[in-house]
Amino acid sequence: MECSRRLFLKKCGCQPYFYPIRGKDMKVCGIHDVDCSFDASKMAQMLAFPSSSVQIELNELGLLCSCPSSCNEVIYSIETSSAPFPSEMAYQSSETIQQTVAKGKGKVDLRFLQ
């Protein structure tokens, strides 16, 4: 993961939003970086088993990445919880919630904990 982050920084001068931000001056890739990010993303997918042409480009960029595949994986532990939606009090006090439930819609919150 660290190697692909450095790949983005070297090729594009920015890093995708989902990598940890290191320092105040770190630029997150935006809409103007789409083409470069797309190319870097394709290369990053091949970091575990780089072809000779990808390895040459990595060497030219000064990236010596020989990371086992487990270094490229991020593992999250999962917790689930649930509650009735909406609560009886919220349902009675909000016309918007009543309309939402009548349309068969629900609510899902995803949260990432540290």
PDB file of N, CA and C in Angstrom:
ATOM      1  N   MET A   1       0.828  -1.187   0.000  1.00  0.00           N
ATOM      2  CA  MET A   1       0.000   0.000   0.000  1.00  0.00           C
ATOM      3  C   MET A   1       0.875   1.256   0.000  1.00  0.00           C
ATOM      4  N   GLU A   2       1.923   1.238   0.792  1.00  0.00           N
ATOM      5  CA  GLU A   2       2.817   2.390   0.837  1.00  0.00           C
ATOM      6  C   GLU A   2       3.487   2.606  -0.514  1.00  0.00           C
ATOM      7  N   CYS A   3       3.826   1.523  -1.188  1.00  0.00           N
ATOM      8  CA  CYS A   3       4.487   1.653  -2.482  1.00  0.00           C
ATOM      9  C   CYS A   3       3.537   2.260  -3.521  1.00  0.00           C
ATOM     10  N   SER A   4       2.278   1.842  -3.507  1.00  0.00           N
ATOM     11  CA  SER A   4       1.341   2.426  -4.474  1.00  0.00           C
ATOM     12  C   SER A   4       1.066   3.893  -4.151  1.00  0.00           C
ATOM     13  N   ARG A   5       1.071   4.263  -2.875  1.00  0.00           N
ATOM     14  CA  ARG A   5       0.913   5.673  -2.496  1.00  0.00           C
ATOM     15  C   ARG A   5       2.082   6.490  -3.049  1.00  0.00           C
ATOM     16  N   ARG A   6       3.303   5.958  -2.885  1.00  0.00           N
ATOM     17  CA  ARG A   6       4.481   6.648  -3.413  1.00  0.00           C
ATOM     18  C   ARG A   6       4.456   6.711  -4.936  1.00  0.00           C
ATOM     19  N   LEU A   7       3.898   5.680  -5.580  1.00  0.00           N
ATOM     20  CA  LEU A   7       3.756   5.679  -7.038  1.00  0.00           C
ATOM     21  C   LEU A   7       2.886   6.850  -7.491  1.00  0.00           C
ATOM     22  N   PHE A   8       1.749   7.041  -6.840  1.00  0.00           N
ATOM     23  CA  PHE A   8       0.872   8.167  -7.170  1.00  0.00           C
ATOM     24  C   PHE A   8       1.599   9.497  -6.966  1.00  0.00           C
ATOM     25  N   LEU A   9       2.315   9.607  -5.862  1.00  0.00           N
ATOM     26  CA  LEU A   9       3.023  10.862  -5.574  1.00  0.00           C
ATOM     27  C   LEU A   9       4.074  11.162  -6.636  1.00  0.00           C
ATOM     28  N   LYS A  10       4.827  10.147  -7.056  1.00  0.00           N
ATOM     29  CA  LYS A  10       5.882  10.356  -8.052  1.00  0.00           C
ATOM     30  C   LYS A  10       5.304  10.661  -9.429  1.00  0.00           C
ATOM     31  N   LYS A  11       4.279   9.902  -9.842  1.00  0.00           N
ATOM     32  CA  LYS A  11       3.720  10.072 -11.189  1.00  0.00           C
ATOM     33  C   LYS A  11       2.819  11.299 -11.305  1.00  0.00           C
ATOM     34  N   CYS A  12       2.016  11.548 -10.274  1.00  0.00           N
ATOM     35  CA  CYS A  12       0.957  12.554 -10.385  1.00  0.00           C
ATOM     36  C   CYS A  12       1.144  13.763  -9.467  1.00  0.00           C
ATOM     37  N   GLY A  13       2.008  13.643  -8.494  1.00  0.00           N
ATOM     38  CA  GLY A  13       2.189  14.745  -7.550  1.00  0.00           C
ATOM     39  C   GLY A  13       1.056  14.850  -6.548  1.00  0.00           C
ATOM     40  N   CYS A  14       0.265  13.785  -6.437  1.00  0.00           N
ATOM     41  CA  CYS A  14      -0.866  13.764  -5.505  1.00  0.00           C
ATOM     42  C   CYS A  14      -1.104  12.325  -5.093  1.00  0.00           C
ATOM     43  N   GLN A  15      -2.001  12.140  -4.145  1.00  0.00           N
ATOM     44  CA  GLN A  15      -2.366  10.783  -3.750  1.00  0.00           C
ATOM     45  C   GLN A  15      -3.878  10.681  -3.654  1.00  0.00           C
ATOM     46  N   PRO A  16      -4.443   9.485  -3.895  1.00  0.00           N
ATOM     47  CA  PRO A  16      -5.891   9.310  -3.780  1.00  0.00           C
ATOM     48  C   PRO A  16      -6.367   9.599  -2.355  1.00  0.00           C
ATOM     49  N   TYR A  17      -7.611   9.985  -2.226  1.00  0.00           N
ATOM     50  CA  TYR A  17      -8.174  10.384  -0.936  1.00  0.00           C
ATOM     51  C   TYR A  17      -8.156   9.261   0.091  1.00  0.00           C
ATOM     52  N   PHE A  18      -8.155   8.000  -0.350  1.00  0.00           N
ATOM     53  CA  PHE A  18      -8.285   6.895   0.590  1.00  0.00           C
ATOM     54  C   PHE A  18      -6.969   6.456   1.225  1.00  0.00           C
ATOM     55  N   TYR A  19      -5.840   7.091   0.852  1.00  0.00           N
ATOM     56  CA  TYR A  19      -4.566   6.807   1.512  1.00  0.00           C
ATOM     57  C   TYR A  19      -4.397   7.748   2.694  1.00  0.00           C
ATOM     58  N   PRO A  20      -3.682   7.303   3.737  1.00  0.00           N
ATOM     59  CA  PRO A  20      -3.452   8.195   4.884  1.00  0.00           C
ATOM     60  C   PRO A  20      -2.700   9.457   4.448  1.00  0.00           C
ATOM     61  N   ILE A  21      -3.131  10.599   4.938  1.00  0.00           N
ATOM     62  CA  ILE A  21      -2.486  11.874   4.618  1.00  0.00           C
ATOM     63  C   ILE A  21      -1.272  12.024   5.518  1.00  0.00           C
ATOM     64  N   ARG A  22      -0.141  12.280   4.904  1.00  0.00           N
ATOM     65  CA  ARG A  22       1.108  12.444   5.660  1.00  0.00           C
ATOM     66  C   ARG A  22       1.593  13.870   5.479  1.00  0.00           C
ATOM     67  N   GLY A  23       1.383  14.710   6.451  1.00  0.00           N
ATOM     68  CA  GLY A  23       1.847  16.087   6.393  1.00  0.00           C
ATOM     69  C   GLY A  23       0.773  17.037   5.887  1.00  0.00           C
ATOM     70  N   LYS A  24       0.904  18.313   6.258  1.00  0.00           N
ATOM     71  CA  LYS A  24      -0.097  19.324   5.896  1.00  0.00           C
ATOM     72  C   LYS A  24      -0.096  19.650   4.416  1.00  0.00           C
ATOM     73  N   ASP A  25       1.045  19.501   3.751  1.00  0.00           N
ATOM     74  CA  ASP A  25       1.163  19.918   2.360  1.00  0.00           C
ATOM     75  C   ASP A  25       0.829  18.819   1.365  1.00  0.00           C
ATOM     76  N   MET A  26       0.318  17.692   1.822  1.00  0.00           N
ATOM     77  CA  MET A  26       0.008  16.572   0.940  1.00  0.00           C
ATOM     78  C   MET A  26      -1.191  16.920   0.062  1.00  0.00           C
ATOM     79  N   LYS A  27      -1.026  16.801  -1.241  1.00  0.00           N
ATOM     80  CA  LYS A  27      -2.114  17.105  -2.171  1.00  0.00           C
ATOM     81  C   LYS A  27      -2.897  15.824  -2.460  1.00  0.00           C
ATOM     82  N   VAL A  28      -4.197  15.920  -2.346  1.00  0.00           N
ATOM     83  CA  VAL A  28      -5.085  14.810  -2.679  1.00  0.00           C
ATOM     84  C   VAL A  28      -5.488  14.963  -4.146  1.00  0.00           C
ATOM     85  N   CYS A  29      -5.430  13.876  -4.903  1.00  0.00           N
ATOM     86  CA  CYS A  29      -5.771  13.919  -6.326  1.00  0.00           C
ATOM     87  C   CYS A  29      -7.213  14.388  -6.512  1.00  0.00           C
ATOM     88  N   GLY A  30      -7.398  15.254  -7.473  1.00  0.00           N
ATOM     89  CA  GLY A  30      -8.724  15.783  -7.765  1.00  0.00           C
ATOM     90  C   GLY A  30      -9.108  15.527  -9.214  1.00  0.00           C
ATOM     91  N   ILE A  31     -10.091  16.236  -9.670  1.00  0.00           N
ATOM     92  CA  ILE A  31     -10.640  16.042 -11.012  1.00  0.00           C
ATOM     93  C   ILE A  31      -9.605  16.335 -12.101  1.00  0.00           C
ATOM     94  N   HIS A  32      -8.681  17.246 -11.835  1.00  0.00           N
ATOM     95  CA  HIS A  32      -7.675  17.590 -12.842  1.00  0.00           C
ATOM     96  C   HIS A  32      -6.584  16.526 -12.947  1.00  0.00           C
ATOM     97  N   ASP A  33      -6.567  15.588 -12.013  1.00  0.00           N
ATOM     98  CA  ASP A  33      -5.552  14.546 -11.988  1.00  0.00           C
ATOM     99  C   ASP A  33      -6.086  13.192 -12.462  1.00  0.00           C
ATOM    100  N   VAL A  34      -7.269  13.181 -13.074  1.00  0.00           N
ATOM    101  CA  VAL A  34      -7.927  11.924 -13.423  1.00  0.00           C
ATOM    102  C   VAL A  34      -7.088  11.082 -14.380  1.00  0.00           C
ATOM    103  N   ASP A  35      -6.568  11.668 -15.446  1.00  0.00           N
ATOM    104  CA  ASP A  35      -5.805  10.886 -16.418  1.00  0.00           C
ATOM    105  C   ASP A  35      -4.583  10.260 -15.774  1.00  0.00           C
ATOM    106  N   CYS A  36      -3.827  11.044 -15.040  1.00  0.00           N
ATOM    107  CA  CYS A  36      -2.630  10.531 -14.375  1.00  0.00           C
ATOM    108  C   CYS A  36      -3.009   9.484 -13.332  1.00  0.00           C
ATOM    109  N   SER A  37      -4.057   9.744 -12.562  1.00  0.00           N
ATOM    110  CA  SER A  37      -4.490   8.798 -11.535  1.00  0.00           C
ATOM    111  C   SER A  37      -4.915   7.470 -12.144  1.00  0.00           C
ATOM    112  N   PHE A  38      -5.562   7.529 -13.295  1.00  0.00           N
ATOM    113  CA  PHE A  38      -5.988   6.310 -13.970  1.00  0.00           C
ATOM    114  C   PHE A  38      -4.772   5.472 -14.358  1.00  0.00           C
ATOM    115  N   ASP A  39      -3.760   6.109 -14.954  1.00  0.00           N
ATOM    116  CA  ASP A  39      -2.540   5.395 -15.340  1.00  0.00           C
ATOM    117  C   ASP A  39      -1.813   4.839 -14.115  1.00  0.00           C
ATOM    118  N   ALA A  40      -1.698   5.644 -13.073  1.00  0.00           N
ATOM    119  CA  ALA A  40      -1.022   5.203 -11.852  1.00  0.00           C
ATOM    120  C   ALA A  40      -1.784   4.058 -11.199  1.00  0.00           C
ATOM    121  N   SER A  41      -3.107   4.108 -11.255  1.00  0.00           N
ATOM    122  CA  SER A  41      -3.926   3.053 -10.674  1.00  0.00           C
ATOM    123  C   SER A  41      -3.702   1.726 -11.397  1.00  0.00           C
ATOM    124  N   LYS A  42      -3.615   1.782 -12.725  1.00  0.00           N
ATOM    125  CA  LYS A  42      -3.339   0.559 -13.491  1.00  0.00           C
ATOM    126  C   LYS A  42      -1.982  -0.017 -13.095  1.00  0.00           C
ATOM    127  N   MET A  43      -0.984   0.848 -12.940  1.00  0.00           N
ATOM    128  CA  MET A  43       0.340   0.377 -12.522  1.00  0.00           C
ATOM    129  C   MET A  43       0.298  -0.179 -11.099  1.00  0.00           C
ATOM    130  N   ALA A  44      -0.411   0.497 -10.218  1.00  0.00           N
ATOM    131  CA  ALA A  44      -0.473   0.080  -8.814  1.00  0.00           C
ATOM    132  C   ALA A  44      -1.089  -1.310  -8.677  1.00  0.00           C
ATOM    133  N   GLN A  45      -2.027  -1.645  -9.551  1.00  0.00           N
ATOM    134  CA  GLN A  45      -2.646  -2.969  -9.507  1.00  0.00           C
ATOM    135  C   GLN A  45      -1.648  -4.067  -9.855  1.00  0.00           C
ATOM    136  N   MET A  46      -0.575  -3.715 -10.549  1.00  0.00           N
ATOM    137  CA  MET A  46       0.420  -4.705 -10.959  1.00  0.00           C
ATOM    138  C   MET A  46       1.640  -4.734 -10.040  1.00  0.00           C
ATOM    139  N   LEU A  47       1.615  -4.009  -8.934  1.00  0.00           N
ATOM    140  CA  LEU A  47       2.790  -3.933  -8.060  1.00  0.00           C
ATOM    141  C   LEU A  47       3.162  -5.279  -7.440  1.00  0.00           C
ATOM    142  N   ALA A  48       2.184  -6.108  -7.112  1.00  0.00           N
ATOM    143  CA  ALA A  48       2.493  -7.386  -6.477  1.00  0.00           C
ATOM    144  C   ALA A  48       3.293  -8.289  -7.422  1.00  0.00           C
ATOM    145  N   PHE A  49       2.943  -8.274  -8.719  1.00  0.00           N
ATOM    146  CA  PHE A  49       3.631  -9.090  -9.717  1.00  0.00           C
ATOM    147  C   PHE A  49       3.884  -8.240 -10.957  1.00  0.00           C
ATOM    148  N   PRO A  50       4.827  -7.286 -10.872  1.00  0.00           N
ATOM    149  CA  PRO A  50       5.033  -6.355 -11.986  1.00  0.00           C
ATOM    150  C   PRO A  50       5.652  -7.031 -13.216  1.00  0.00           C
ATOM    151  N   SER A  51       5.171  -6.637 -14.389  1.00  0.00           N
ATOM    152  CA  SER A  51       5.790  -7.090 -15.632  1.00  0.00           C
ATOM    153  C   SER A  51       7.138  -6.393 -15.765  1.00  0.00           C
ATOM    154  N   SER A  52       7.932  -6.819 -16.725  1.00  0.00           N
ATOM    155  CA  SER A  52       9.256  -6.205 -16.880  1.00  0.00           C
ATOM    156  C   SER A  52       9.141  -4.731 -17.257  1.00  0.00           C
ATOM    157  N   SER A  53       8.140  -4.365 -18.083  1.00  0.00           N
ATOM    158  CA  SER A  53       7.988  -2.952 -18.461  1.00  0.00           C
ATOM    159  C   SER A  53       7.561  -2.102 -17.268  1.00  0.00           C
ATOM    160  N   VAL A  54       6.697  -2.633 -16.417  1.00  0.00           N
ATOM    161  CA  VAL A  54       6.282  -1.911 -15.217  1.00  0.00           C
ATOM    162  C   VAL A  54       7.472  -1.791 -14.266  1.00  0.00           C
ATOM    163  N   GLN A  55       8.254  -2.857 -14.136  1.00  0.00           N
ATOM    164  CA  GLN A  55       9.422  -2.820 -13.256  1.00  0.00           C
ATOM    165  C   GLN A  55      10.427  -1.773 -13.735  1.00  0.00           C
ATOM    166  N   ILE A  56      10.611  -1.658 -15.051  1.00  0.00           N
ATOM    167  CA  ILE A  56      11.519  -0.649 -15.593  1.00  0.00           C
ATOM    168  C   ILE A  56      11.024   0.747 -15.236  1.00  0.00           C
ATOM    169  N   GLU A  57       9.722   0.988 -15.413  1.00  0.00           N
ATOM    170  CA  GLU A  57       9.165   2.307 -15.088  1.00  0.00           C
ATOM    171  C   GLU A  57       9.275   2.602 -13.590  1.00  0.00           C
ATOM    172  N   LEU A  58       9.053   1.590 -12.755  1.00  0.00           N
ATOM    173  CA  LEU A  58       9.207   1.784 -11.309  1.00  0.00           C
ATOM    174  C   LEU A  58      10.645   2.162 -10.974  1.00  0.00           C
ATOM    175  N   ASN A  59      11.597   1.487 -11.605  1.00  0.00           N
ATOM    176  CA  ASN A  59      13.010   1.798 -11.382  1.00  0.00           C
ATOM    177  C   ASN A  59      13.332   3.225 -11.823  1.00  0.00           C
ATOM    178  N   GLU A  60      12.766   3.643 -12.965  1.00  0.00           N
ATOM    179  CA  GLU A  60      13.002   5.005 -13.459  1.00  0.00           C
ATOM    180  C   GLU A  60      12.438   6.044 -12.497  1.00  0.00           C
ATOM    181  N   LEU A  61      11.350   5.704 -11.838  1.00  0.00           N
ATOM    182  CA  LEU A  61      10.738   6.607 -10.860  1.00  0.00           C
ATOM    183  C   LEU A  61      11.448   6.544  -9.506  1.00  0.00           C
ATOM    184  N   GLY A  62      12.388   5.635  -9.369  1.00  0.00           N
ATOM    185  CA  GLY A  62      13.087   5.484  -8.096  1.00  0.00           C
ATOM    186  C   GLY A  62      12.295   4.721  -7.061  1.00  0.00           C
ATOM    187  N   LEU A  63      11.346   3.906  -7.501  1.00  0.00           N
ATOM    188  CA  LEU A  63      10.517   3.126  -6.584  1.00  0.00           C
ATOM    189  C   LEU A  63      10.974   1.676  -6.611  1.00  0.00           C
ATOM    190  N   LEU A  64      11.595   1.241  -5.549  1.00  0.00           N
ATOM    191  CA  LEU A  64      12.039  -0.141  -5.439  1.00  0.00           C
ATOM    192  C   LEU A  64      11.027  -0.872  -4.573  1.00  0.00           C
ATOM    193  N   CYS A  65      10.019  -1.398  -5.217  1.00  0.00           N
ATOM    194  CA  CYS A  65       8.919  -2.041  -4.510  1.00  0.00           C
ATOM    195  C   CYS A  65       9.013  -3.552  -4.677  1.00  0.00           C
ATOM    196  N   SER A  66       9.402  -4.216  -3.638  1.00  0.00           N
ATOM    197  CA  SER A  66       9.393  -5.673  -3.665  1.00  0.00           C
ATOM    198  C   SER A  66       8.622  -6.130  -2.446  1.00  0.00           C
ATOM    199  N   CYS A  67       7.364  -5.840  -2.472  1.00  0.00           N
ATOM    200  CA  CYS A  67       6.506  -6.084  -1.323  1.00  0.00           C
ATOM    201  C   CYS A  67       5.687  -7.351  -1.548  1.00  0.00           C
ATOM    202  N   PRO A  68       5.675  -8.265  -0.581  1.00  0.00           N
ATOM    203  CA  PRO A  68       4.804  -9.435  -0.722  1.00  0.00           C
ATOM    204  C   PRO A  68       3.348  -9.010  -0.824  1.00  0.00           C
ATOM    205  N   SER A  69       2.523  -9.853  -1.394  1.00  0.00           N
ATOM    206  CA  SER A  69       1.126  -9.474  -1.631  1.00  0.00           C
ATOM    207  C   SER A  69       0.405  -9.073  -0.354  1.00  0.00           C
ATOM    208  N   SER A  70       0.774  -9.651   0.785  1.00  0.00           N
ATOM    209  CA  SER A  70       0.083  -9.281   2.023  1.00  0.00           C
ATOM    210  C   SER A  70       0.300  -7.816   2.386  1.00  0.00           C
ATOM    211  N   CYS A  71       1.366  -7.205   1.875  1.00  0.00           N
ATOM    212  CA  CYS A  71       1.603  -5.781   2.133  1.00  0.00           C
ATOM    213  C   CYS A  71       0.629  -4.907   1.353  1.00  0.00           C
ATOM    214  N   ASN A  72      -0.011  -5.465   0.342  1.00  0.00           N
ATOM    215  CA  ASN A  72      -0.940  -4.709  -0.486  1.00  0.00           C
ATOM    216  C   ASN A  72      -2.373  -4.821   0.012  1.00  0.00           C
ATOM    217  N   GLU A  73      -2.597  -5.605   1.041  1.00  0.00           N
ATOM    218  CA  GLU A  73      -3.946  -5.847   1.526  1.00  0.00           C
ATOM    219  C   GLU A  73      -4.254  -4.985   2.742  1.00  0.00           C
ATOM    220  N   VAL A  74      -5.475  -4.540   2.824  1.00  0.00           N
ATOM    221  CA  VAL A  74      -5.957  -3.826   4.000  1.00  0.00           C
ATOM    222  C   VAL A  74      -7.089  -4.669   4.565  1.00  0.00           C
ATOM    223  N   ILE A  75      -7.019  -4.955   5.841  1.00  0.00           N
ATOM    224  CA  ILE A  75      -8.029  -5.797   6.466  1.00  0.00           C
ATOM    225  C   ILE A  75      -8.766  -4.972   7.512  1.00  0.00           C
ATOM    226  N   TYR A  76     -10.081  -4.963   7.420  1.00  0.00           N
ATOM    227  CA  TYR A  76     -10.918  -4.252   8.376  1.00  0.00           C
ATOM    228  C   TYR A  76     -11.684  -5.269   9.203  1.00  0.00           C
ATOM    229  N   SER A  77     -11.796  -5.013  10.492  1.00  0.00           N
ATOM    230  CA  SER A  77     -12.686  -5.837  11.294  1.00  0.00           C
ATOM    231  C   SER A  77     -14.079  -5.222  11.198  1.00  0.00           C
ATOM    232  N   ILE A  78     -15.072  -6.059  11.274  1.00  0.00           N
ATOM    233  CA  ILE A  78     -16.443  -5.619  11.016  1.00  0.00           C
ATOM    234  C   ILE A  78     -17.274  -5.724  12.290  1.00  0.00           C
ATOM    235  N   GLU A  79     -18.027  -4.679  12.553  1.00  0.00           N
ATOM    236  CA  GLU A  79     -19.015  -4.684  13.626  1.00  0.00           C
ATOM    237  C   GLU A  79     -20.351  -4.315  13.009  1.00  0.00           C
ATOM    238  N   THR A  80     -21.397  -4.962  13.455  1.00  0.00           N
ATOM    239  CA  THR A  80     -22.724  -4.593  12.963  1.00  0.00           C
ATOM    240  C   THR A  80     -23.618  -4.271  14.156  1.00  0.00           C
ATOM    241  N   SER A  81     -24.552  -3.397  13.923  1.00  0.00           N
ATOM    242  CA  SER A  81     -25.568  -3.105  14.920  1.00  0.00           C
ATOM    243  C   SER A  81     -26.821  -2.696  14.164  1.00  0.00           C
ATOM    244  N   SER A  82     -27.932  -2.775  14.824  1.00  0.00           N
ATOM    245  CA  SER A  82     -29.175  -2.385  14.160  1.00  0.00           C
ATOM    246  C   SER A  82     -30.148  -1.834  15.197  1.00  0.00           C
ATOM    247  N   ALA A  83     -31.099  -1.114  14.688  1.00  0.00           N
ATOM    248  CA  ALA A  83     -32.151  -0.547  15.527  1.00  0.00           C
ATOM    249  C   ALA A  83     -33.372  -0.360  14.637  1.00  0.00           C
ATOM    250  N   PRO A  84     -34.531  -0.364  15.211  1.00  0.00           N
ATOM    251  CA  PRO A  84     -35.731  -0.123  14.391  1.00  0.00           C
ATOM    252  C   PRO A  84     -35.663   1.263  13.751  1.00  0.00           C
ATOM    253  N   PHE A  85     -36.054   1.348  12.499  1.00  0.00           N
ATOM    254  CA  PHE A  85     -36.076   2.641  11.809  1.00  0.00           C
ATOM    255  C   PHE A  85     -37.438   2.830  11.196  1.00  0.00           C
ATOM    256  N   PRO A  86     -38.030   3.913  11.382  1.00  0.00           N
ATOM    257  CA  PRO A  86     -37.685   4.955  12.351  1.00  0.00           C
ATOM    258  C   PRO A  86     -38.213   4.570  13.720  1.00  0.00           C
ATOM    259  N   SER A  87     -37.761   5.277  14.728  1.00  0.00           N
ATOM    260  CA  SER A  87     -38.327   5.055  16.063  1.00  0.00           C
ATOM    261  C   SER A  87     -39.765   5.568  16.035  1.00  0.00           C
ATOM    262  N   GLU A  88     -40.567   5.062  16.933  1.00  0.00           N
ATOM    263  CA  GLU A  88     -41.982   5.467  16.963  1.00  0.00           C
ATOM    264  C   GLU A  88     -42.122   6.974  17.143  1.00  0.00           C
ATOM    265  N   MET A  89     -41.295   7.555  18.011  1.00  0.00           N
ATOM    266  CA  MET A  89     -41.364   8.994  18.258  1.00  0.00           C
ATOM    267  C   MET A  89     -40.972   9.780  16.997  1.00  0.00           C
ATOM    268  N   ALA A  90     -39.908   9.349  16.311  1.00  0.00           N
ATOM    269  CA  ALA A  90     -39.482  10.051  15.095  1.00  0.00           C
ATOM    270  C   ALA A  90     -40.539   9.916  14.008  1.00  0.00           C
ATOM    271  N   TYR A  91     -41.159   8.741  13.901  1.00  0.00           N
ATOM    272  CA  TYR A  91     -42.185   8.519  12.883  1.00  0.00           C
ATOM    273  C   TYR A  91     -43.375   9.444  13.096  1.00  0.00           C
ATOM    274  N   GLN A  92     -43.808   9.573  14.333  1.00  0.00           N
ATOM    275  CA  GLN A  92     -44.975  10.405  14.621  1.00  0.00           C
ATOM    276  C   GLN A  92     -44.676  11.890  14.474  1.00  0.00           C
ATOM    277  N   SER A  93     -43.416  12.302  14.643  1.00  0.00           N
ATOM    278  CA  SER A  93     -43.108  13.728  14.641  1.00  0.00           C
ATOM    279  C   SER A  93     -42.606  14.245  13.294  1.00  0.00           C
ATOM    280  N   SER A  94     -42.449  13.379  12.305  1.00  0.00           N
ATOM    281  CA  SER A  94     -41.875  13.838  11.049  1.00  0.00           C
ATOM    282  C   SER A  94     -42.671  13.324   9.855  1.00  0.00           C
ATOM    283  N   GLU A  95     -43.252  14.248   9.118  1.00  0.00           N
ATOM    284  CA  GLU A  95     -43.977  13.882   7.903  1.00  0.00           C
ATOM    285  C   GLU A  95     -43.024  13.330   6.840  1.00  0.00           C
ATOM    286  N   THR A  96     -41.806  13.867   6.793  1.00  0.00           N
ATOM    287  CA  THR A  96     -40.810  13.393   5.829  1.00  0.00           C
ATOM    288  C   THR A  96     -40.488  11.920   6.068  1.00  0.00           C
ATOM    289  N   ILE A  97     -40.322  11.537   7.330  1.00  0.00           N
ATOM    290  CA  ILE A  97     -40.045  10.134   7.648  1.00  0.00           C
ATOM    291  C   ILE A  97     -41.238   9.266   7.277  1.00  0.00           C
ATOM    292  N   GLN A  98     -42.432   9.737   7.521  1.00  0.00           N
ATOM    293  CA  GLN A  98     -43.631   8.959   7.165  1.00  0.00           C
ATOM    294  C   GLN A  98     -43.683   8.727   5.657  1.00  0.00           C
ATOM    295  N   GLN A  99     -43.360   9.745   4.869  1.00  0.00           N
ATOM    296  CA  GLN A  99     -43.356   9.603   3.410  1.00  0.00           C
ATOM    297  C   GLN A  99     -42.253   8.653   2.952  1.00  0.00           C
ATOM    298  N   THR A 100     -41.092   8.724   3.608  1.00  0.00           N
ATOM    299  CA  THR A 100     -39.971   7.851   3.255  1.00  0.00           C
ATOM    300  C   THR A 100     -40.326   6.390   3.503  1.00  0.00           C
ATOM    301  N   VAL A 101     -40.914   6.105   4.647  1.00  0.00           N
ATOM    302  CA  VAL A 101     -41.308   4.736   4.984  1.00  0.00           C
ATOM    303  C   VAL A 101     -42.400   4.261   4.037  1.00  0.00           C
ATOM    304  N   ALA A 102     -43.337   5.124   3.691  1.00  0.00           N
ATOM    305  CA  ALA A 102     -44.422   4.760   2.781  1.00  0.00           C
ATOM    306  C   ALA A 102     -43.876   4.368   1.407  1.00  0.00           C
ATOM    307  N   LYS A 103     -42.762   4.932   1.008  1.00  0.00           N
ATOM    308  CA  LYS A 103     -42.149   4.599  -0.286  1.00  0.00           C
ATOM    309  C   LYS A 103     -41.282   3.346  -0.201  1.00  0.00           C
ATOM    310  N   GLY A 104     -41.185   2.733   0.977  1.00  0.00           N
ATOM    311  CA  GLY A 104     -40.410   1.513   1.134  1.00  0.00           C
ATOM    312  C   GLY A 104     -38.909   1.744   1.222  1.00  0.00           C
ATOM    313  N   LYS A 105     -38.532   2.943   1.605  1.00  0.00           N
ATOM    314  CA  LYS A 105     -37.108   3.255   1.716  1.00  0.00           C
ATOM    315  C   LYS A 105     -36.648   3.068   3.149  1.00  0.00           C
ATOM    316  N   GLY A 106     -35.354   2.877   3.310  1.00  0.00           N
ATOM    317  CA  GLY A 106     -34.766   2.725   4.641  1.00  0.00           C
ATOM    318  C   GLY A 106     -33.534   3.582   4.759  1.00  0.00           C
ATOM    319  N   LYS A 107     -32.748   3.313   5.755  1.00  0.00           N
ATOM    320  CA  LYS A 107     -31.547   4.096   6.010  1.00  0.00           C
ATOM    321  C   LYS A 107     -30.407   3.163   6.381  1.00  0.00           C
ATOM    322  N   VAL A 108     -29.229   3.417   5.811  1.00  0.00           N
ATOM    323  CA  VAL A 108     -28.034   2.647   6.148  1.00  0.00           C
ATOM    324  C   VAL A 108     -26.908   3.634   6.439  1.00  0.00           C
ATOM    325  N   ASP A 109     -26.228   3.455   7.550  1.00  0.00           N
ATOM    326  CA  ASP A 109     -25.051   4.256   7.900  1.00  0.00           C
ATOM    327  C   ASP A 109     -23.848   3.328   7.902  1.00  0.00           C
ATOM    328  N   LEU A 110     -22.801   3.738   7.210  1.00  0.00           N
ATOM    329  CA  LEU A 110     -21.530   3.023   7.252  1.00  0.00           C
ATOM    330  C   LEU A 110     -20.540   3.905   7.976  1.00  0.00           C
ATOM    331  N   ARG A 111     -19.833   3.350   8.917  1.00  0.00           N
ATOM    332  CA  ARG A 111     -18.858   4.122   9.681  1.00  0.00           C
ATOM    333  C   ARG A 111     -17.551   3.336   9.742  1.00  0.00           C
ATOM    334  N   PHE A 112     -16.452   4.054   9.636  1.00  0.00           N
ATOM    335  CA  PHE A 112     -15.135   3.451   9.713  1.00  0.00           C
ATOM    336  C   PHE A 112     -14.496   3.897  11.015  1.00  0.00           C
ATOM    337  N   LEU A 113     -14.165   2.943  11.861  1.00  0.00           N
ATOM    338  CA  LEU A 113     -13.583   3.236  13.156  1.00  0.00           C
ATOM    339  C   LEU A 113     -12.075   3.077  13.098  1.00  0.00           C
ATOM    340  N   GLN A 114     -11.380   3.803  13.956  1.00  0.00           N
ATOM    341  CA  GLN A 114      -9.924   3.631  14.033  1.00  0.00           C
ATOM    342  C   GLN A 114      -9.574   2.713  15.165  1.00  0.00           C
TER     343      GLN A 114
END
